[in-house]
Protein backbone atom coordinates (compact mmCIF):
# COMPACT_ATOMS: atom_id res chain seq x y z
CA LYS A 1 0.00 0.00 0.00
CA SER A 2 1.11 3.54 -0.74
CA CYS A 3 1.84 6.25 1.79
CA GLY A 4 -0.77 8.91 2.29
CA PRO A 5 -0.15 12.66 2.22
CA ASP A 6 1.52 12.52 5.63
CA GLY A 7 4.21 10.14 4.32
CA ILE A 8 3.47 7.50 6.98
CA SER A 9 3.86 3.99 5.58
CA ALA A 10 1.19 1.30 5.83
CA PHE A 11 3.99 -0.87 7.25
CA LEU A 12 3.21 0.80 10.59
CA LEU A 13 -0.01 -1.21 10.76
CA ASN A 14 2.20 -4.20 11.54
CA CYS A 15 3.29 -2.29 14.67
CA ALA A 16 -0.22 -1.42 15.81
CA GLU A 17 0.20 -2.88 19.29
CA GLU A 18 3.31 -0.83 19.91
CA LEU A 19 1.73 2.37 18.54
CA THR A 20 -1.58 2.05 20.40
CA PRO A 21 -0.39 3.91 23.54
CA ALA A 22 0.70 6.85 21.36
CA TRP A 23 -2.36 6.94 19.09
CA CYS A 24 -5.10 6.46 21.72
CA PRO A 25 -4.69 9.88 23.38
CA ILE A 26 -4.62 11.56 19.95
CA PHE A 27 -7.79 9.75 18.84
CA GLN A 28 -9.51 10.49 22.15
CA GLN A 29 -8.63 14.18 21.94
CA SER A 30 -10.00 14.26 18.40
CA LEU A 31 -13.30 12.82 19.63
CA ASP A 32 -13.41 15.07 22.71
CA THR A 33 -12.73 18.26 20.73
CA GLN A 34 -14.76 17.07 17.72
CA THR A 35 -11.91 17.90 15.36
CA VAL A 36 -9.69 15.95 13.04
CA TYR A 37 -6.16 17.20 12.57
CA SER A 38 -5.76 18.74 9.13
CA ASN A 39 -2.74 16.64 8.22
CA CYS A 40 -4.80 13.49 8.86
CA SER A 41 -7.86 14.57 6.90
CA ARG A 42 -6.07 15.42 3.65
CA SER A 43 -5.94 13.13 0.65
CA VAL A 44 -3.68 12.99 -2.36
CA ILE A 45 -5.53 12.29 -5.60
CA ILE A 46 -3.57 10.07 -7.98
CA PRO A 47 -4.78 9.62 -11.58
CA VAL A 48 -4.72 5.91 -12.47
CA PRO A 49 -5.15 4.97 -16.15
CA LYS A 50 -8.29 3.01 -17.01
CA LYS A 51 -6.74 1.70 -20.22
CA ALA A 52 -3.26 0.90 -21.49
CA HIS A 53 -2.68 4.09 -23.46
CA PRO A 54 -4.70 6.98 -22.01
CA THR A 55 -5.18 9.95 -24.34
CA GLU A 56 -7.62 12.18 -22.45
CA ASN A 57 -8.70 12.96 -18.87
CA ASN A 58 -11.66 10.58 -19.02
CA ASP A 59 -9.19 7.72 -19.50
CA PHE A 60 -8.11 8.10 -15.86
CA ARG A 61 -9.73 7.09 -12.58
CA ALA A 62 -9.09 9.22 -9.52
CA VAL A 63 -7.71 7.30 -6.54
CA ALA A 64 -7.47 9.07 -3.18
CA LEU A 65 -4.57 8.19 -0.92
CA THR A 66 -5.47 8.96 2.67
CA SER A 67 -3.44 8.93 5.84
CA VAL A 68 -2.78 5.51 7.41
CA VAL A 69 -3.34 7.12 10.81
CA MET A 70 -6.72 8.45 9.62
CA LYS A 71 -7.71 4.99 8.37
CA CYS A 72 -6.94 3.57 11.82
CA PHE A 73 -8.95 6.35 13.45
CA GLU A 74 -11.86 5.65 11.09
CA LYS A 75 -11.77 1.95 12.03
CA CYS A 76 -11.93 2.89 15.72
CA VAL A 77 -14.87 5.23 15.13
CA VAL A 78 -16.71 2.64 13.03
CA ALA A 79 -16.23 0.03 15.78
CA MET A 80 -17.63 2.48 18.35
CA LEU A 81 -20.58 3.32 16.10
CA LYS A 82 -21.40 -0.32 15.45
CA GLU A 83 -21.31 -0.98 19.17
CA ASP A 84 -23.71 1.93 19.82
CA VAL A 85 -26.03 1.42 16.87
CA ASN A 86 -26.35 -2.30 16.09
CA SER A 87 -28.52 -3.20 19.08
CA ARG A 88 -30.99 -0.42 18.20
CA LEU A 89 -31.39 -1.13 14.49
CA ASP A 90 -34.59 -2.53 13.08
CA PRO A 91 -34.22 -6.22 12.17
CA LEU A 92 -35.46 -5.27 8.69
CA GLN A 93 -32.58 -2.83 8.20
CA PHE A 94 -30.44 -4.24 5.41
CA ALA A 95 -28.33 -1.33 4.19
CA TYR A 96 -24.84 -0.91 5.66
CA ARG A 97 -25.00 -4.15 7.65
CA GLN A 98 -22.66 -7.11 7.38
CA ARG A 99 -23.93 -10.22 5.62
CA ARG A 100 -27.09 -8.45 4.42
CA SER A 101 -27.70 -7.57 0.82
CA THR A 102 -30.24 -5.97 -1.47
CA GLY A 103 -31.32 -9.49 -2.39
CA ASP A 104 -32.01 -10.23 1.28
CA ALA A 105 -34.11 -7.07 1.56
CA ILE A 106 -36.15 -7.95 -1.54
CA ASN A 107 -36.65 -11.57 -0.44
CA SER A 108 -37.74 -10.50 3.02
CA THR A 109 -40.18 -7.93 1.61
CA VAL A 110 -41.64 -10.36 -0.92
CA HIS A 111 -42.05 -12.97 1.84
CA LEU A 112 -43.93 -10.50 4.07
CA VAL A 113 -46.16 -9.43 1.16
CA LEU A 114 -46.92 -13.02 0.15
CA LYS A 115 -47.80 -13.86 3.74
CA HIS A 116 -50.13 -10.82 3.78
CA LEU A 117 -51.71 -11.96 0.49
CA GLU A 118 -52.75 -15.32 1.95
CA ASP A 119 -55.93 -13.52 2.95
CA PRO A 120 -57.96 -13.39 -0.30
CA ARG A 121 -59.58 -10.05 0.63
CA VAL A 122 -56.35 -8.03 0.55
CA TYR A 123 -53.97 -6.73 -2.08
CA ALA A 124 -50.53 -5.20 -2.09
CA ARG A 125 -48.67 -2.64 -4.16
CA MET A 126 -44.91 -2.60 -4.22
CA LEU A 127 -42.38 -0.13 -5.53
CA PHE A 128 -38.62 -0.71 -5.49
CA ILE A 129 -36.47 2.38 -5.94
CA ASP A 130 -32.70 2.42 -6.24
CA PHE A 131 -31.35 5.54 -4.56
CA SER A 132 -27.85 5.95 -5.92
CA SER A 133 -25.16 7.72 -3.95
CA ALA A 134 -25.43 10.74 -6.27
CA ASN A 135 -27.66 12.55 -3.79
CA SER A 136 -26.03 11.24 -0.61
CA ALA A 137 -24.21 14.51 0.19
CA PHE A 138 -27.49 16.42 -0.07
CA TYR A 139 -29.28 14.17 2.43
CA PHE A 140 -26.34 13.49 4.74
CA ASN A 141 -26.70 16.41 7.18
CA SER A 142 -30.46 16.09 7.60
CA GLU A 143 -30.23 12.31 8.11
CA VAL A 144 -27.48 12.59 10.74
CA LYS A 145 -29.38 15.32 12.59
CA THR A 146 -32.51 13.14 12.52
CA ILE A 147 -30.79 10.23 14.24
CA GLU A 148 -28.93 12.35 16.79
CA GLY A 149 -29.97 11.30 20.26
CA LYS A 150 -31.79 8.25 18.93
CA LEU A 151 -28.81 6.22 17.73
CA LEU A 152 -25.69 8.38 18.01
CA ASN A 153 -24.28 10.49 20.78
CA HIS A 154 -23.83 14.23 20.28
CA GLN A 155 -20.01 14.05 19.97
CA MET A 156 -20.16 11.65 17.02
CA VAL A 157 -22.85 13.67 15.24
CA SER A 158 -20.91 16.92 15.65
CA LEU A 159 -17.73 15.31 14.34
CA PHE A 160 -19.50 13.90 11.25
CA LEU A 161 -21.34 17.10 10.44
CA LYS A 162 -18.19 19.17 10.81
CA GLN A 163 -16.12 16.81 8.62
CA ASN A 164 -18.87 16.57 5.98
CA SER A 165 -19.28 20.33 5.68
CA GLU A 166 -15.49 20.85 5.49
CA GLY A 167 -15.17 18.12 2.85
CA GLN A 168 -17.92 19.64 0.70
CA SER A 169 -16.44 23.12 0.85
CA GLU A 170 -13.02 21.82 -0.33
CA ARG A 171 -14.46 20.13 -3.45
């Protein structure tokens, strides 16, 4: 793996146990102050050719190299979030959960509808919509604010909202 913008090698992940005492206070301070250090939140965009002989900009794919330290911090935050959120999720929640797919969601929905239709006096209408990630930035802030206090603690919500607004302004 390549180094991120901070120049720290992914080799350091092999020394995670030794680095934990140094990184934990930094990560905790980041959570407590609801800030991410600027050198950790930067990315370097590398153009990678999509085909053997690129001739124009569309022949490249943008790959972002992020800080190894930031990736570790993100893993810690994700683990904390999963711990907080998983027990409160609806059993019919399929998105963003391990070992659950769109196919599982459709099968579960069809099963519930078919069970409902066993009564000959009822009917059902179904609509499946694929919401692509194209609008995710637009909905992100309102969705996070909606779940604040219900699933996430205030510190996490503030950190996400702050990072999301900073990321959008840099684009």
